[in-house]
Amino acid sequence: MKLFNLVACLFFSALILVGCGDNQKPKKYLQFMGGGLTFNYRYSKATMVVVVRRVSPIAEGGKFVALFEVPGELTPDRVEVPNNPSTLTFKLESRALKGIKKDVPLHVTVWAIDEKGVKLDEIKTQFVSDVDEDTLPSKPLMDPNTPGYVPYLENLK
């Protein structure tokens, strides 16, 4: 009888300890919404864009950081956008890129960072172009600094 009590006591103790474990999954803060390579023929430039959605609150002072792979460079283009508590979706866009090749993937990493600089969440994705960058005009077709899209007539050849 004492052996039965000991086994029963150990069994119930084990059940209690199993219930005490920290079985919470890491909290999600980001959701990938879309993005891609953008070829702007009007201004003769190509960029990468990624759109993320904040799915869990981040304290004021937090930010979103995107690291865009730049063709031919070892250092990624780093873009930061501050967290706005009243906004759910955030667009991050790289600087103008050169050297984009057809069917060559370009990687993007997006981080959600809290106000103390701690990385809360990370999303990795990649974009692949279906055209080479040399399909862009060699010079801009429009002047981006004038209203009404005034064309550079000499570049329309």
C-alpha atoms as a PDB file:
ATOM      1  CA  MET A   1       0.000   0.000   0.000  1.00  0.00           C
ATOM      2  CA  LYS A   2       2.888   2.364   0.785  1.00  0.00           C
ATOM      3  CA  LEU A   3       4.380   1.675  -2.638  1.00  0.00           C
ATOM      4  CA  PHE A   4       1.047   2.526  -4.303  1.00  0.00           C
ATOM      5  CA  ASN A   5       0.842   5.813  -2.366  1.00  0.00           C
ATOM      6  CA  LEU A   6       4.405   6.691  -3.335  1.00  0.00           C
ATOM      7  CA  VAL A   7       3.760   5.970  -7.022  1.00  0.00           C
ATOM      8  CA  ALA A   8       0.487   7.929  -6.949  1.00  0.00           C
ATOM      9  CA  CYS A   9       2.205  10.857  -5.226  1.00  0.00           C
ATOM     10  CA  LEU A  10       5.009  10.893  -7.821  1.00  0.00           C
ATOM     11  CA  PHE A  11       2.493  10.652 -10.675  1.00  0.00           C
ATOM     12  CA  PHE A  12       0.421  13.614  -9.473  1.00  0.00           C
ATOM     13  CA  SER A  13       3.559  15.631  -8.720  1.00  0.00           C
ATOM     14  CA  ALA A  14       4.727  15.060 -12.286  1.00  0.00           C
ATOM     15  CA  LEU A  15       1.343  16.223 -13.635  1.00  0.00           C
ATOM     16  CA  ILE A  16       1.522  19.389 -11.556  1.00  0.00           C
ATOM     17  CA  LEU A  17       5.062  20.138 -12.739  1.00  0.00           C
ATOM     18  CA  VAL A  18       4.085  19.652 -16.395  1.00  0.00           C
ATOM     19  CA  GLY A  19       1.401  22.310 -15.963  1.00  0.00           C
ATOM     20  CA  CYS A  20       3.902  24.761 -14.472  1.00  0.00           C
ATOM     21  CA  GLY A  21       6.117  25.000 -17.549  1.00  0.00           C
ATOM     22  CA  ASP A  22       6.347  28.154 -19.654  1.00  0.00           C
ATOM     23  CA  ASN A  23       4.741  26.891 -22.836  1.00  0.00           C
ATOM     24  CA  GLN A  24       4.045  30.283 -24.411  1.00  0.00           C
ATOM     25  CA  LYS A  25       5.178  30.705 -27.986  1.00  0.00           C
ATOM     26  CA  PRO A  26       7.201  33.807 -28.900  1.00  0.00           C
ATOM     27  CA  LYS A  27       4.851  36.706 -29.542  1.00  0.00           C
ATOM     28  CA  LYS A  28       4.378  37.803 -33.158  1.00  0.00           C
ATOM     29  CA  TYR A  29       4.711  41.514 -33.874  1.00  0.00           C
ATOM     30  CA  LEU A  30       5.008  41.541 -37.678  1.00  0.00           C
ATOM     31  CA  GLN A  31       3.090  40.120 -40.592  1.00  0.00           C
ATOM     32  CA  PHE A  32       4.360  40.333 -44.166  1.00  0.00           C
ATOM     33  CA  MET A  33       1.777  42.084 -46.344  1.00  0.00           C
ATOM     34  CA  GLY A  34       3.569  42.443 -49.673  1.00  0.00           C
ATOM     35  CA  GLY A  35       6.259  44.155 -51.630  1.00  0.00           C
ATOM     36  CA  GLY A  36       8.592  43.650 -54.514  1.00  0.00           C
ATOM     37  CA  LEU A  37      10.887  45.335 -56.954  1.00  0.00           C
ATOM     38  CA  THR A  38       9.557  48.582 -58.373  1.00  0.00           C
ATOM     39  CA  PHE A  39      10.794  49.811 -61.727  1.00  0.00           C
ATOM     40  CA  ASN A  40       9.881  53.475 -62.180  1.00  0.00           C
ATOM     41  CA  TYR A  41      10.412  54.196 -65.854  1.00  0.00           C
ATOM     42  CA  ARG A  42       9.344  57.825 -65.468  1.00  0.00           C
ATOM     43  CA  TYR A  43      12.328  58.605 -63.210  1.00  0.00           C
ATOM     44  CA  SER A  44      14.611  55.797 -64.422  1.00  0.00           C
ATOM     45  CA  LYS A  45      15.104  54.140 -61.053  1.00  0.00           C
ATOM     46  CA  ALA A  46      14.456  50.792 -59.414  1.00  0.00           C
ATOM     47  CA  THR A  47      13.764  50.231 -55.704  1.00  0.00           C
ATOM     48  CA  MET A  48      12.663  47.442 -53.385  1.00  0.00           C
ATOM     49  CA  VAL A  49       9.552  47.914 -51.287  1.00  0.00           C
ATOM     50  CA  VAL A  50       8.237  45.846 -48.397  1.00  0.00           C
ATOM     51  CA  VAL A  51       4.976  46.397 -46.506  1.00  0.00           C
ATOM     52  CA  VAL A  52       4.487  44.929 -43.039  1.00  0.00           C
ATOM     53  CA  ARG A  53       1.601  44.976 -40.608  1.00  0.00           C
ATOM     54  CA  ARG A  54       2.037  45.350 -36.866  1.00  0.00           C
ATOM     55  CA  VAL A  55      -0.051  42.582 -35.257  1.00  0.00           C
ATOM     56  CA  SER A  56       0.894  43.218 -31.608  1.00  0.00           C
ATOM     57  CA  PRO A  57       1.363  46.553 -29.862  1.00  0.00           C
ATOM     58  CA  ILE A  58       4.848  48.021 -29.646  1.00  0.00           C
ATOM     59  CA  ALA A  59       5.596  50.758 -27.136  1.00  0.00           C
ATOM     60  CA  GLU A  60       6.095  54.289 -28.346  1.00  0.00           C
ATOM     61  CA  GLY A  61       9.712  54.782 -29.342  1.00  0.00           C
ATOM     62  CA  GLY A  62       9.882  51.443 -31.152  1.00  0.00           C
ATOM     63  CA  LYS A  63      10.711  51.190 -34.836  1.00  0.00           C
ATOM     64  CA  PHE A  64      10.763  48.968 -37.880  1.00  0.00           C
ATOM     65  CA  VAL A  65      14.041  48.325 -39.664  1.00  0.00           C
ATOM     66  CA  ALA A  66      14.426  46.859 -43.145  1.00  0.00           C
ATOM     67  CA  LEU A  67      17.720  45.550 -44.487  1.00  0.00           C
ATOM     68  CA  PHE A  68      17.589  45.465 -48.292  1.00  0.00           C
ATOM     69  CA  GLU A  69      20.219  43.473 -50.166  1.00  0.00           C
ATOM     70  CA  VAL A  70      21.970  45.715 -52.682  1.00  0.00           C
ATOM     71  CA  PRO A  71      23.279  44.038 -55.858  1.00  0.00           C
ATOM     72  CA  GLY A  72      27.076  44.029 -55.917  1.00  0.00           C
ATOM     73  CA  GLU A  73      27.474  45.382 -52.369  1.00  0.00           C
ATOM     74  CA  LEU A  74      28.249  43.583 -49.120  1.00  0.00           C
ATOM     75  CA  THR A  75      26.462  46.088 -46.871  1.00  0.00           C
ATOM     76  CA  PRO A  76      22.657  46.125 -47.058  1.00  0.00           C
ATOM     77  CA  ASP A  77      20.648  49.324 -47.378  1.00  0.00           C
ATOM     78  CA  ARG A  78      19.184  50.000 -43.921  1.00  0.00           C
ATOM     79  CA  VAL A  79      15.842  51.815 -43.740  1.00  0.00           C
ATOM     80  CA  GLU A  80      14.126  52.712 -40.444  1.00  0.00           C
ATOM     81  CA  VAL A  81      10.537  53.798 -39.863  1.00  0.00           C
ATOM     82  CA  PRO A  82       9.351  54.865 -36.401  1.00  0.00           C
ATOM     83  CA  ASN A  83       6.441  52.998 -34.860  1.00  0.00           C
ATOM     84  CA  ASN A  84       3.238  55.019 -34.832  1.00  0.00           C
ATOM     85  CA  PRO A  85       0.700  53.514 -32.409  1.00  0.00           C
ATOM     86  CA  SER A  86      -2.210  54.666 -34.586  1.00  0.00           C
ATOM     87  CA  THR A  87      -0.837  53.019 -37.753  1.00  0.00           C
ATOM     88  CA  LEU A  88      -1.031  49.303 -38.500  1.00  0.00           C
ATOM     89  CA  THR A  89       0.800  49.024 -41.832  1.00  0.00           C
ATOM     90  CA  PHE A  90       4.249  50.331 -42.615  1.00  0.00           C
ATOM     91  CA  LYS A  91       5.953  50.733 -46.000  1.00  0.00           C
ATOM     92  CA  LEU A  92       9.730  50.563 -46.156  1.00  0.00           C
ATOM     93  CA  GLU A  93      11.491  51.418 -49.431  1.00  0.00           C
ATOM     94  CA  SER A  94      15.142  51.079 -50.378  1.00  0.00           C
ATOM     95  CA  ARG A  95      17.242  53.701 -52.060  1.00  0.00           C
ATOM     96  CA  ALA A  96      17.574  53.494 -55.847  1.00  0.00           C
ATOM     97  CA  LEU A  97      19.253  50.204 -56.767  1.00  0.00           C
ATOM     98  CA  LYS A  98      21.652  49.483 -59.608  1.00  0.00           C
ATOM     99  CA  GLY A  99      22.641  46.104 -61.024  1.00  0.00           C
ATOM    100  CA  ILE A 100      19.314  44.237 -60.749  1.00  0.00           C
ATOM    101  CA  LYS A 101      19.411  41.093 -62.875  1.00  0.00           C
ATOM    102  CA  LYS A 102      16.584  38.899 -64.104  1.00  0.00           C
ATOM    103  CA  ASP A 103      15.908  35.781 -61.978  1.00  0.00           C
ATOM    104  CA  VAL A 104      18.466  36.736 -59.290  1.00  0.00           C
ATOM    105  CA  PRO A 105      16.840  36.882 -55.831  1.00  0.00           C
ATOM    106  CA  LEU A 106      17.336  39.917 -53.603  1.00  0.00           C
ATOM    107  CA  HIS A 107      16.781  39.371 -49.883  1.00  0.00           C
ATOM    108  CA  VAL A 108      15.013  41.604 -47.381  1.00  0.00           C
ATOM    109  CA  THR A 109      14.930  41.315 -43.596  1.00  0.00           C
ATOM    110  CA  VAL A 110      12.503  43.358 -41.492  1.00  0.00           C
ATOM    111  CA  TRP A 111      12.811  43.736 -37.718  1.00  0.00           C
ATOM    112  CA  ALA A 112      10.401  45.089 -35.138  1.00  0.00           C
ATOM    113  CA  ILE A 113      12.477  46.825 -32.462  1.00  0.00           C
ATOM    114  CA  ASP A 114      11.209  48.099 -29.117  1.00  0.00           C
ATOM    115  CA  GLU A 115      12.035  51.454 -27.520  1.00  0.00           C
ATOM    116  CA  LYS A 116      15.092  49.937 -25.769  1.00  0.00           C
ATOM    117  CA  GLY A 117      16.579  48.617 -29.022  1.00  0.00           C
ATOM    118  CA  VAL A 118      15.634  44.969 -28.417  1.00  0.00           C
ATOM    119  CA  LYS A 119      14.631  42.985 -31.515  1.00  0.00           C
ATOM    120  CA  LEU A 120      11.073  41.701 -30.976  1.00  0.00           C
ATOM    121  CA  ASP A 121      10.358  39.966 -34.276  1.00  0.00           C
ATOM    122  CA  GLU A 122      11.935  39.292 -37.663  1.00  0.00           C
ATOM    123  CA  ILE A 123      10.617  38.558 -41.134  1.00  0.00           C
ATOM    124  CA  LYS A 124      12.802  37.413 -44.024  1.00  0.00           C
ATOM    125  CA  THR A 125      11.732  37.339 -47.644  1.00  0.00           C
ATOM    126  CA  GLN A 126      13.168  37.703 -51.118  1.00  0.00           C
ATOM    127  CA  PHE A 127      12.115  39.275 -54.385  1.00  0.00           C
ATOM    128  CA  VAL A 128      13.039  38.165 -57.894  1.00  0.00           C
ATOM    129  CA  SER A 129      12.863  40.414 -60.935  1.00  0.00           C
ATOM    130  CA  ASP A 130      11.513  39.123 -64.215  1.00  0.00           C
ATOM    131  CA  VAL A 131      13.477  41.778 -66.171  1.00  0.00           C
ATOM    132  CA  ASP A 132      16.995  43.209 -66.052  1.00  0.00           C
ATOM    133  CA  GLU A 133      17.582  46.708 -64.795  1.00  0.00           C
ATOM    134  CA  ASP A 134      18.864  47.774 -68.208  1.00  0.00           C
ATOM    135  CA  THR A 135      15.237  47.879 -69.407  1.00  0.00           C
ATOM    136  CA  LEU A 136      15.029  51.230 -67.591  1.00  0.00           C
ATOM    137  CA  PRO A 137      15.761  54.337 -69.669  1.00  0.00           C
ATOM    138  CA  SER A 138      19.347  55.550 -69.256  1.00  0.00           C
ATOM    139  CA  LYS A 139      18.063  59.020 -68.260  1.00  0.00           C
ATOM    140  CA  PRO A 140      14.840  60.077 -66.478  1.00  0.00           C
ATOM    141  CA  LEU A 141      11.910  60.792 -68.766  1.00  0.00           C
ATOM    142  CA  MET A 142      10.403  63.344 -66.362  1.00  0.00           C
ATOM    143  CA  ASP A 143      11.733  65.963 -63.981  1.00  0.00           C
ATOM    144  CA  PRO A 144      10.772  64.811 -60.465  1.00  0.00           C
ATOM    145  CA  ASN A 145      11.206  68.351 -59.105  1.00  0.00           C
ATOM    146  CA  THR A 146       8.562  70.032 -61.258  1.00  0.00           C
ATOM    147  CA  PRO A 147       4.804  69.694 -60.846  1.00  0.00           C
ATOM    148  CA  GLY A 148       2.782  68.210 -63.670  1.00  0.00           C
ATOM    149  CA  TYR A 149       5.383  65.747 -64.892  1.00  0.00           C
ATOM    150  CA  VAL A 150       7.267  67.988 -67.296  1.00  0.00           C
ATOM    151  CA  PRO A 151       9.019  65.609 -69.721  1.00  0.00           C
ATOM    152  CA  TYR A 152      12.638  65.774 -70.748  1.00  0.00           C
ATOM    153  CA  LEU A 153      11.915  65.703 -74.449  1.00  0.00           C
ATOM    154  CA  GLU A 154      15.538  64.932 -75.323  1.00  0.00           C
ATOM    155  CA  ASN A 155      15.313  61.678 -73.257  1.00  0.00           C
ATOM    156  CA  LEU A 156      12.174  60.354 -75.000  1.00  0.00           C
ATOM    157  CA  LYS A 157      14.189  58.830 -77.845  1.00  0.00           C
END
